[in-house]
């Protein structure tokens, strides 16, 4: 009987040790998809250009628990948040990196993927890329025109020209969900790349309250200006605007034609 009791104790001890085997890895596995030109990390990429990327997720080889969810983010933007199943899943996606305020990209970006299995175990992998900071901004001239109730040239910047009745300055206001900021005149010449522009707008977001109206341009006389303003549209596009001149034309039946001109980038 003593030998039998001893044998049982040994069997129980072996079973206990097996159940507490620390060599087992309960977490699911996740790796970067490296095929067909997909980003794998370390690349230098351009803004506003589509890039492919992907991840391969598998269940833990020790537990074989089914997969449950895959989530992918870049900055504060969710790229994927989907339910999955089985023990193997491959995700392929495409990303266009921008200099908008949502991702707050300044020089680099990181795509982070997290997989969760049915047991609640998680694993994470990421793809970090550098953004070409030497992308030079293109400069284009603009002409904001108003005659009576007719206006043109402002909507592409997320702006509209409110009526000038009873006021002597143009009332330039943001459209719905557009943010309008005022910058220093020197910012126009100092900001020449997409990254510098992103830094300028990110700083404005952090330290300024958006303007309700830009009204520095007189509508009673032609004049030169050196004002720098900027807008962020709902899709995240940023416009840096240099107002340089206001020209008042000869009176017409509908009123005085007014041109506010300058450059934008």
C-alpha atoms as a PDB file:
ATOM      1  CA  UNK A   1       0.000   0.000   0.000  1.00  0.00           C
ATOM      2  CA  UNK A   2       2.815   2.377   0.798  1.00  0.00           C
ATOM      3  CA  UNK A   3       4.355   1.735  -2.630  1.00  0.00           C
ATOM      4  CA  UNK A   4       1.010   2.433  -4.303  1.00  0.00           C
ATOM      5  CA  UNK A   5       0.552   5.665  -2.340  1.00  0.00           C
ATOM      6  CA  UNK A   6       4.040   6.782  -3.290  1.00  0.00           C
ATOM      7  CA  UNK A   7       3.357   6.053  -6.956  1.00  0.00           C
ATOM      8  CA  UNK A   8       0.188   8.133  -6.871  1.00  0.00           C
ATOM      9  CA  UNK A   9       2.032  11.049  -5.310  1.00  0.00           C
ATOM     10  CA  UNK A  10       4.618  10.871  -8.067  1.00  0.00           C
ATOM     11  CA  UNK A  11       1.940  10.817 -10.788  1.00  0.00           C
ATOM     12  CA  UNK A  12       0.186  13.824  -9.277  1.00  0.00           C
ATOM     13  CA  UNK A  13       3.494  15.708  -9.085  1.00  0.00           C
ATOM     14  CA  UNK A  14       4.261  14.975 -12.739  1.00  0.00           C
ATOM     15  CA  UNK A  15       0.802  16.155 -13.790  1.00  0.00           C
ATOM     16  CA  UNK A  16       1.179  19.341 -11.757  1.00  0.00           C
ATOM     17  CA  UNK A  17       4.548  20.130 -13.256  1.00  0.00           C
ATOM     18  CA  UNK A  18       3.216  19.521 -16.767  1.00  0.00           C
ATOM     19  CA  UNK A  19       0.315  21.900 -16.200  1.00  0.00           C
ATOM     20  CA  UNK A  20       2.713  24.625 -15.006  1.00  0.00           C
ATOM     21  CA  UNK A  21       5.232  24.197 -17.812  1.00  0.00           C
ATOM     22  CA  UNK A  22       6.596  27.736 -18.282  1.00  0.00           C
ATOM     23  CA  UNK A  23       8.014  26.860 -21.698  1.00  0.00           C
ATOM     24  CA  UNK A  24       4.567  27.061 -23.287  1.00  0.00           C
ATOM     25  CA  UNK A  25       3.722  30.324 -25.092  1.00  0.00           C
ATOM     26  CA  UNK A  26      -0.017  31.085 -24.968  1.00  0.00           C
ATOM     27  CA  UNK A  27       0.187  34.259 -27.103  1.00  0.00           C
ATOM     28  CA  UNK A  28      -0.831  34.158 -30.770  1.00  0.00           C
ATOM     29  CA  UNK A  29       1.846  34.962 -33.327  1.00  0.00           C
ATOM     30  CA  UNK A  30       1.999  37.977 -35.645  1.00  0.00           C
ATOM     31  CA  UNK A  31       4.528  38.816 -38.339  1.00  0.00           C
ATOM     32  CA  UNK A  32       4.942  41.394 -41.103  1.00  0.00           C
ATOM     33  CA  UNK A  33       3.867  40.360 -44.582  1.00  0.00           C
ATOM     34  CA  UNK A  34       6.909  40.644 -46.844  1.00  0.00           C
ATOM     35  CA  UNK A  35       5.713  40.258 -50.413  1.00  0.00           C
ATOM     36  CA  UNK A  36       4.851  42.258 -53.516  1.00  0.00           C
ATOM     37  CA  UNK A  37       6.463  45.512 -52.444  1.00  0.00           C
ATOM     38  CA  UNK A  38       4.766  45.666 -49.047  1.00  0.00           C
ATOM     39  CA  UNK A  39       6.290  47.928 -46.427  1.00  0.00           C
ATOM     40  CA  UNK A  40       8.331  45.951 -43.918  1.00  0.00           C
ATOM     41  CA  UNK A  41       9.895  48.789 -41.896  1.00  0.00           C
ATOM     42  CA  UNK A  42      12.814  51.117 -42.352  1.00  0.00           C
ATOM     43  CA  UNK A  43      11.762  52.451 -45.755  1.00  0.00           C
ATOM     44  CA  UNK A  44      11.775  56.140 -46.655  1.00  0.00           C
ATOM     45  CA  UNK A  45       8.366  56.969 -48.092  1.00  0.00           C
ATOM     46  CA  UNK A  46       6.689  59.954 -49.710  1.00  0.00           C
ATOM     47  CA  UNK A  47       3.559  61.701 -48.499  1.00  0.00           C
ATOM     48  CA  UNK A  48       0.304  61.285 -50.436  1.00  0.00           C
ATOM     49  CA  UNK A  49       1.546  58.134 -52.201  1.00  0.00           C
ATOM     50  CA  UNK A  50      -0.230  54.750 -51.681  1.00  0.00           C
ATOM     51  CA  UNK A  51       1.832  51.953 -50.119  1.00  0.00           C
ATOM     52  CA  UNK A  52       0.895  48.305 -49.539  1.00  0.00           C
ATOM     53  CA  UNK A  53       1.450  46.598 -46.203  1.00  0.00           C
ATOM     54  CA  UNK A  54       0.236  43.500 -44.405  1.00  0.00           C
ATOM     55  CA  UNK A  55       0.457  41.148 -41.444  1.00  0.00           C
ATOM     56  CA  UNK A  56       0.239  37.363 -40.948  1.00  0.00           C
ATOM     57  CA  UNK A  57      -1.354  36.149 -37.718  1.00  0.00           C
ATOM     58  CA  UNK A  58      -1.491  32.586 -36.402  1.00  0.00           C
ATOM     59  CA  UNK A  59      -2.652  30.892 -33.237  1.00  0.00           C
ATOM     60  CA  UNK A  60      -0.186  29.954 -30.535  1.00  0.00           C
ATOM     61  CA  UNK A  61       1.366  26.614 -31.589  1.00  0.00           C
ATOM     62  CA  UNK A  62       1.142  25.528 -27.951  1.00  0.00           C
ATOM     63  CA  UNK A  63      -2.513  26.320 -27.255  1.00  0.00           C
ATOM     64  CA  UNK A  64      -4.012  26.374 -30.779  1.00  0.00           C
ATOM     65  CA  UNK A  65      -6.670  28.808 -29.543  1.00  0.00           C
ATOM     66  CA  UNK A  66      -8.726  30.338 -32.361  1.00  0.00           C
ATOM     67  CA  UNK A  67      -8.040  33.905 -33.390  1.00  0.00           C
ATOM     68  CA  UNK A  68     -10.701  36.470 -32.556  1.00  0.00           C
ATOM     69  CA  UNK A  69      -9.750  40.027 -33.571  1.00  0.00           C
ATOM     70  CA  UNK A  70      -7.199  42.063 -35.531  1.00  0.00           C
ATOM     71  CA  UNK A  71      -6.783  45.796 -35.034  1.00  0.00           C
ATOM     72  CA  UNK A  72      -4.364  48.092 -36.876  1.00  0.00           C
ATOM     73  CA  UNK A  73      -3.699  51.769 -36.167  1.00  0.00           C
ATOM     74  CA  UNK A  74      -1.409  54.517 -37.425  1.00  0.00           C
ATOM     75  CA  UNK A  75      -1.202  57.372 -34.961  1.00  0.00           C
ATOM     76  CA  UNK A  76      -4.793  58.017 -33.903  1.00  0.00           C
ATOM     77  CA  UNK A  77      -6.291  56.583 -37.089  1.00  0.00           C
ATOM     78  CA  UNK A  78      -7.823  53.101 -37.107  1.00  0.00           C
ATOM     79  CA  UNK A  79      -6.887  51.244 -40.281  1.00  0.00           C
ATOM     80  CA  UNK A  80      -8.484  47.909 -39.387  1.00  0.00           C
ATOM     81  CA  UNK A  81     -10.670  46.628 -36.555  1.00  0.00           C
ATOM     82  CA  UNK A  82     -12.159  43.329 -37.638  1.00  0.00           C
ATOM     83  CA  UNK A  83     -13.299  40.034 -36.190  1.00  0.00           C
ATOM     84  CA  UNK A  84     -11.378  36.994 -37.437  1.00  0.00           C
ATOM     85  CA  UNK A  85     -11.549  33.250 -36.802  1.00  0.00           C
ATOM     86  CA  UNK A  86      -9.588  30.065 -37.275  1.00  0.00           C
ATOM     87  CA  UNK A  87      -5.901  29.652 -36.579  1.00  0.00           C
ATOM     88  CA  UNK A  88      -4.410  31.539 -39.563  1.00  0.00           C
ATOM     89  CA  UNK A  89      -5.244  34.925 -41.093  1.00  0.00           C
ATOM     90  CA  UNK A  90      -3.414  37.177 -43.566  1.00  0.00           C
ATOM     91  CA  UNK A  91      -4.242  40.856 -43.810  1.00  0.00           C
ATOM     92  CA  UNK A  92      -3.312  43.042 -46.792  1.00  0.00           C
ATOM     93  CA  UNK A  93      -3.984  46.766 -46.864  1.00  0.00           C
ATOM     94  CA  UNK A  94      -2.945  50.072 -48.383  1.00  0.00           C
ATOM     95  CA  UNK A  95      -2.067  53.315 -46.642  1.00  0.00           C
ATOM     96  CA  UNK A  96      -1.565  56.863 -47.878  1.00  0.00           C
ATOM     97  CA  UNK A  97       0.460  58.852 -45.370  1.00  0.00           C
ATOM     98  CA  UNK A  98      -0.448  62.516 -45.123  1.00  0.00           C
ATOM     99  CA  UNK A  99       0.645  65.462 -43.033  1.00  0.00           C
ATOM    100  CA  UNK A 100      -2.795  65.960 -41.500  1.00  0.00           C
ATOM    101  CA  UNK A 101      -3.348  66.728 -37.852  1.00  0.00           C
ATOM    102  CA  UNK A 102      -5.009  63.384 -37.148  1.00  0.00           C
ATOM    103  CA  UNK A 103      -1.910  61.233 -37.466  1.00  0.00           C
ATOM    104  CA  UNK A 104       0.382  64.104 -36.449  1.00  0.00           C
ATOM    105  CA  UNK A 105       3.165  62.703 -38.579  1.00  0.00           C
ATOM    106  CA  UNK A 106       6.439  64.592 -38.267  1.00  0.00           C
ATOM    107  CA  UNK A 107       9.269  62.694 -39.903  1.00  0.00           C
ATOM    108  CA  UNK A 108       8.057  59.145 -39.309  1.00  0.00           C
ATOM    109  CA  UNK A 109       5.002  56.931 -39.019  1.00  0.00           C
ATOM    110  CA  UNK A 110       4.303  53.593 -37.356  1.00  0.00           C
ATOM    111  CA  UNK A 111       1.638  51.079 -38.367  1.00  0.00           C
ATOM    112  CA  UNK A 112       0.831  48.975 -35.287  1.00  0.00           C
ATOM    113  CA  UNK A 113      -1.120  45.693 -35.500  1.00  0.00           C
ATOM    114  CA  UNK A 114      -2.529  43.779 -32.522  1.00  0.00           C
ATOM    115  CA  UNK A 115      -4.048  40.290 -32.706  1.00  0.00           C
ATOM    116  CA  UNK A 116      -6.250  38.818 -29.975  1.00  0.00           C
ATOM    117  CA  UNK A 117      -7.327  35.178 -29.586  1.00  0.00           C
ATOM    118  CA  UNK A 118     -10.445  33.749 -27.935  1.00  0.00           C
ATOM    119  CA  UNK A 119      -8.549  33.328 -24.663  1.00  0.00           C
ATOM    120  CA  UNK A 120      -7.792  37.055 -24.575  1.00  0.00           C
ATOM    121  CA  UNK A 121      -4.103  36.616 -25.318  1.00  0.00           C
ATOM    122  CA  UNK A 122      -2.556  39.333 -27.535  1.00  0.00           C
ATOM    123  CA  UNK A 123       0.531  39.981 -29.623  1.00  0.00           C
ATOM    124  CA  UNK A 124       1.698  43.103 -31.438  1.00  0.00           C
ATOM    125  CA  UNK A 125       3.891  43.898 -34.441  1.00  0.00           C
ATOM    126  CA  UNK A 126       4.648  47.204 -36.113  1.00  0.00           C
ATOM    127  CA  UNK A 127       6.001  48.714 -39.314  1.00  0.00           C
ATOM    128  CA  UNK A 128       7.888  51.977 -38.821  1.00  0.00           C
ATOM    129  CA  UNK A 129       8.867  54.090 -41.808  1.00  0.00           C
ATOM    130  CA  UNK A 130      10.590  57.431 -42.271  1.00  0.00           C
ATOM    131  CA  UNK A 131       8.905  60.128 -44.315  1.00  0.00           C
ATOM    132  CA  UNK A 132      10.876  62.108 -46.849  1.00  0.00           C
ATOM    133  CA  UNK A 133      11.255  65.462 -45.152  1.00  0.00           C
ATOM    134  CA  UNK A 134      12.651  67.051 -48.290  1.00  0.00           C
ATOM    135  CA  UNK A 135       9.405  67.004 -50.262  1.00  0.00           C
ATOM    136  CA  UNK A 136       9.263  70.590 -51.483  1.00  0.00           C
ATOM    137  CA  UNK A 137       5.914  72.346 -51.342  1.00  0.00           C
ATOM    138  CA  UNK A 138       4.458  73.572 -54.613  1.00  0.00           C
ATOM    139  CA  UNK A 139       3.381  77.202 -54.714  1.00  0.00           C
ATOM    140  CA  UNK A 140       0.288  78.316 -56.637  1.00  0.00           C
ATOM    141  CA  UNK A 141      -1.307  81.721 -57.063  1.00  0.00           C
ATOM    142  CA  UNK A 142      -4.891  82.333 -55.955  1.00  0.00           C
ATOM    143  CA  UNK A 143      -7.502  84.993 -56.679  1.00  0.00           C
ATOM    144  CA  UNK A 144     -10.448  85.439 -54.312  1.00  0.00           C
ATOM    145  CA  UNK A 145     -13.104  87.470 -56.132  1.00  0.00           C
ATOM    146  CA  UNK A 146     -16.291  89.115 -54.947  1.00  0.00           C
ATOM    147  CA  UNK A 147     -18.831  91.267 -56.770  1.00  0.00           C
ATOM    148  CA  UNK A 148     -22.148  91.815 -55.048  1.00  0.00           C
ATOM    149  CA  UNK A 149     -23.270  88.391 -53.855  1.00  0.00           C
ATOM    150  CA  UNK A 150     -20.997  86.529 -56.279  1.00  0.00           C
ATOM    151  CA  UNK A 151     -17.727  85.072 -55.025  1.00  0.00           C
ATOM    152  CA  UNK A 152     -15.163  82.587 -56.288  1.00  0.00           C
ATOM    153  CA  UNK A 153     -11.807  81.017 -55.506  1.00  0.00           C
ATOM    154  CA  UNK A 154     -12.280  80.427 -51.782  1.00  0.00           C
ATOM    155  CA  UNK A 155     -14.040  77.077 -51.418  1.00  0.00           C
ATOM    156  CA  UNK A 156     -10.964  75.035 -52.384  1.00  0.00           C
ATOM    157  CA  UNK A 157      -9.331  76.394 -49.219  1.00  0.00           C
ATOM    158  CA  UNK A 158     -12.382  75.656 -47.073  1.00  0.00           C
ATOM    159  CA  UNK A 159     -13.342  79.333 -46.893  1.00  0.00           C
ATOM    160  CA  UNK A 160     -16.185  81.637 -47.893  1.00  0.00           C
ATOM    161  CA  UNK A 161     -16.535  85.424 -48.132  1.00  0.00           C
ATOM    162  CA  UNK A 162     -19.296  86.684 -45.880  1.00  0.00           C
ATOM    163  CA  UNK A 163     -21.242  89.786 -46.922  1.00  0.00           C
ATOM    164  CA  UNK A 164     -19.359  93.077 -46.548  1.00  0.00           C
ATOM    165  CA  UNK A 165     -22.495  95.111 -45.811  1.00  0.00           C
ATOM    166  CA  UNK A 166     -21.948  97.643 -43.031  1.00  0.00           C
ATOM    167  CA  UNK A 167     -18.273  96.612 -42.650  1.00  0.00           C
ATOM    168  CA  UNK A 168     -15.124  97.949 -44.297  1.00  0.00           C
ATOM    169  CA  UNK A 169     -13.082  94.741 -44.234  1.00  0.00           C
ATOM    170  CA  UNK A 170     -13.536  91.440 -46.043  1.00  0.00           C
ATOM    171  CA  UNK A 171     -15.076  88.845 -43.759  1.00  0.00           C
ATOM    172  CA  UNK A 172     -13.258  85.628 -44.729  1.00  0.00           C
ATOM    173  CA  UNK A 173     -14.699  82.735 -42.720  1.00  0.00           C
ATOM    174  CA  UNK A 174     -14.166  78.969 -42.532  1.00  0.00           C
ATOM    175  CA  UNK A 175     -16.739  76.573 -43.895  1.00  0.00           C
ATOM    176  CA  UNK A 176     -18.273  74.001 -41.548  1.00  0.00           C
ATOM    177  CA  UNK A 177     -15.673  71.797 -39.791  1.00  0.00           C
ATOM    178  CA  UNK A 178     -12.782  73.773 -41.315  1.00  0.00           C
ATOM    179  CA  UNK A 179     -10.178  75.178 -38.922  1.00  0.00           C
ATOM    180  CA  UNK A 180      -8.639  78.588 -39.661  1.00  0.00           C
ATOM    181  CA  UNK A 181      -5.338  79.771 -38.132  1.00  0.00           C
ATOM    182  CA  UNK A 182      -3.192  82.927 -38.249  1.00  0.00           C
ATOM    183  CA  UNK A 183       0.583  82.592 -38.681  1.00  0.00           C
ATOM    184  CA  UNK A 184       3.586  84.917 -38.643  1.00  0.00           C
ATOM    185  CA  UNK A 185       4.594  86.485 -41.948  1.00  0.00           C
ATOM    186  CA  UNK A 186       8.027  84.828 -41.706  1.00  0.00           C
ATOM    187  CA  UNK A 187       6.402  81.382 -41.749  1.00  0.00           C
ATOM    188  CA  UNK A 188       5.651  81.768 -45.449  1.00  0.00           C
ATOM    189  CA  UNK A 189       9.311  81.844 -46.464  1.00  0.00           C
ATOM    190  CA  UNK A 190      10.597  79.522 -43.722  1.00  0.00           C
ATOM    191  CA  UNK A 191       8.164  76.682 -44.422  1.00  0.00           C
ATOM    192  CA  UNK A 192       9.238  75.002 -47.658  1.00  0.00           C
ATOM    193  CA  UNK A 193       8.649  71.248 -47.114  1.00  0.00           C
ATOM    194  CA  UNK A 194       5.680  69.070 -46.243  1.00  0.00           C
ATOM    195  CA  UNK A 195       7.193  68.145 -42.895  1.00  0.00           C
ATOM    196  CA  UNK A 196       7.788  71.777 -41.964  1.00  0.00           C
ATOM    197  CA  UNK A 197       4.181  72.547 -42.867  1.00  0.00           C
ATOM    198  CA  UNK A 198       2.974  69.647 -40.735  1.00  0.00           C
ATOM    199  CA  UNK A 199       5.014  70.912 -37.793  1.00  0.00           C
ATOM    200  CA  UNK A 200       3.620  74.434 -38.241  1.00  0.00           C
ATOM    201  CA  UNK A 201       0.004  73.250 -38.244  1.00  0.00           C
ATOM    202  CA  UNK A 202       0.543  70.761 -35.403  1.00  0.00           C
ATOM    203  CA  UNK A 203       1.967  73.576 -33.298  1.00  0.00           C
ATOM    204  CA  UNK A 204      -1.040  75.748 -34.142  1.00  0.00           C
ATOM    205  CA  UNK A 205      -3.437  72.969 -33.160  1.00  0.00           C
ATOM    206  CA  UNK A 206      -1.684  72.584 -29.832  1.00  0.00           C
ATOM    207  CA  UNK A 207      -1.269  76.255 -28.948  1.00  0.00           C
ATOM    208  CA  UNK A 208      -3.941  78.248 -30.805  1.00  0.00           C
ATOM    209  CA  UNK A 209      -7.687  78.509 -30.860  1.00  0.00           C
ATOM    210  CA  UNK A 210      -9.001  78.486 -34.444  1.00  0.00           C
ATOM    211  CA  UNK A 211     -10.150  81.839 -35.810  1.00  0.00           C
ATOM    212  CA  UNK A 212     -13.808  82.525 -36.472  1.00  0.00           C
ATOM    213  CA  UNK A 213     -12.948  85.076 -39.168  1.00  0.00           C
ATOM    214  CA  UNK A 214      -9.980  86.579 -41.000  1.00  0.00           C
ATOM    215  CA  UNK A 215     -10.846  90.247 -41.511  1.00  0.00           C
ATOM    216  CA  UNK A 216      -7.616  92.163 -41.968  1.00  0.00           C
ATOM    217  CA  UNK A 217      -8.136  93.104 -45.629  1.00  0.00           C
ATOM    218  CA  UNK A 218      -9.820  96.464 -46.295  1.00  0.00           C
ATOM    219  CA  UNK A 219     -12.553  96.565 -48.914  1.00  0.00           C
ATOM    220  CA  UNK A 220     -12.503 100.338 -49.217  1.00  0.00           C
ATOM    221  CA  UNK A 221      -9.121 100.780 -50.945  1.00  0.00           C
ATOM    222  CA  UNK A 222      -6.544  98.769 -52.834  1.00  0.00           C
ATOM    223  CA  UNK A 223      -3.511  97.851 -50.708  1.00  0.00           C
ATOM    224  CA  UNK A 224      -0.597  95.455 -50.239  1.00  0.00           C
ATOM    225  CA  UNK A 225      -0.523  92.884 -47.457  1.00  0.00           C
ATOM    226  CA  UNK A 226       1.836  90.342 -45.915  1.00  0.00           C
ATOM    227  CA  UNK A 227      -0.596  88.108 -44.020  1.00  0.00           C
ATOM    228  CA  UNK A 228      -0.159  84.363 -43.585  1.00  0.00           C
ATOM    229  CA  UNK A 229      -3.140  82.234 -42.638  1.00  0.00           C
ATOM    230  CA  UNK A 230      -3.895  78.535 -42.917  1.00  0.00           C
ATOM    231  CA  UNK A 231      -6.798  76.126 -43.055  1.00  0.00           C
ATOM    232  CA  UNK A 232      -7.330  72.466 -42.264  1.00  0.00           C
ATOM    233  CA  UNK A 233     -10.263  70.943 -44.140  1.00  0.00           C
ATOM    234  CA  UNK A 234     -12.334  68.007 -42.788  1.00  0.00           C
ATOM    235  CA  UNK A 235     -10.354  65.527 -44.913  1.00  0.00           C
ATOM    236  CA  UNK A 236      -7.142  66.689 -43.207  1.00  0.00           C
ATOM    237  CA  UNK A 237      -5.743  68.749 -46.094  1.00  0.00           C
ATOM    238  CA  UNK A 238      -3.693  71.734 -44.982  1.00  0.00           C
ATOM    239  CA  UNK A 239      -3.443  75.025 -46.894  1.00  0.00           C
ATOM    240  CA  UNK A 240      -0.815  77.631 -46.092  1.00  0.00           C
ATOM    241  CA  UNK A 241      -2.000  80.948 -47.573  1.00  0.00           C
ATOM    242  CA  UNK A 242      -0.057  84.163 -48.161  1.00  0.00           C
ATOM    243  CA  UNK A 243      -2.340  87.171 -48.747  1.00  0.00           C
ATOM    244  CA  UNK A 244      -0.379  89.860 -50.603  1.00  0.00           C
ATOM    245  CA  UNK A 245      -2.803  92.251 -52.305  1.00  0.00           C
ATOM    246  CA  UNK A 246      -6.346  93.569 -52.456  1.00  0.00           C
ATOM    247  CA  UNK A 247      -7.504  95.321 -55.629  1.00  0.00           C
ATOM    248  CA  UNK A 248     -10.744  97.323 -55.808  1.00  0.00           C
ATOM    249  CA  UNK A 249     -12.147  97.793 -59.323  1.00  0.00           C
ATOM    250  CA  UNK A 250     -14.393 100.444 -60.842  1.00  0.00           C
ATOM    251  CA  UNK A 251     -17.992 100.526 -59.658  1.00  0.00           C
ATOM    252  CA  UNK A 252     -20.427  98.284 -61.528  1.00  0.00           C
ATOM    253  CA  UNK A 253     -24.225  97.902 -61.171  1.00  0.00           C
ATOM    254  CA  UNK A 254     -23.673  94.983 -58.769  1.00  0.00           C
ATOM    255  CA  UNK A 255     -21.080  96.887 -56.725  1.00  0.00           C
ATOM    256  CA  UNK A 256     -17.313  97.149 -56.596  1.00  0.00           C
ATOM    257  CA  UNK A 257     -15.371  94.127 -57.883  1.00  0.00           C
ATOM    258  CA  UNK A 258     -12.807  93.062 -55.281  1.00  0.00           C
ATOM    259  CA  UNK A 259      -9.829  90.751 -55.813  1.00  0.00           C
ATOM    260  CA  UNK A 260      -7.807  89.395 -52.888  1.00  0.00           C
ATOM    261  CA  UNK A 261      -4.732  87.702 -54.317  1.00  0.00           C
ATOM    262  CA  UNK A 262      -1.624  85.906 -53.152  1.00  0.00           C
ATOM    263  CA  UNK A 263      -0.007  82.476 -53.079  1.00  0.00           C
ATOM    264  CA  UNK A 264      -0.746  79.175 -51.364  1.00  0.00           C
ATOM    265  CA  UNK A 265       1.169  75.965 -50.662  1.00  0.00           C
END
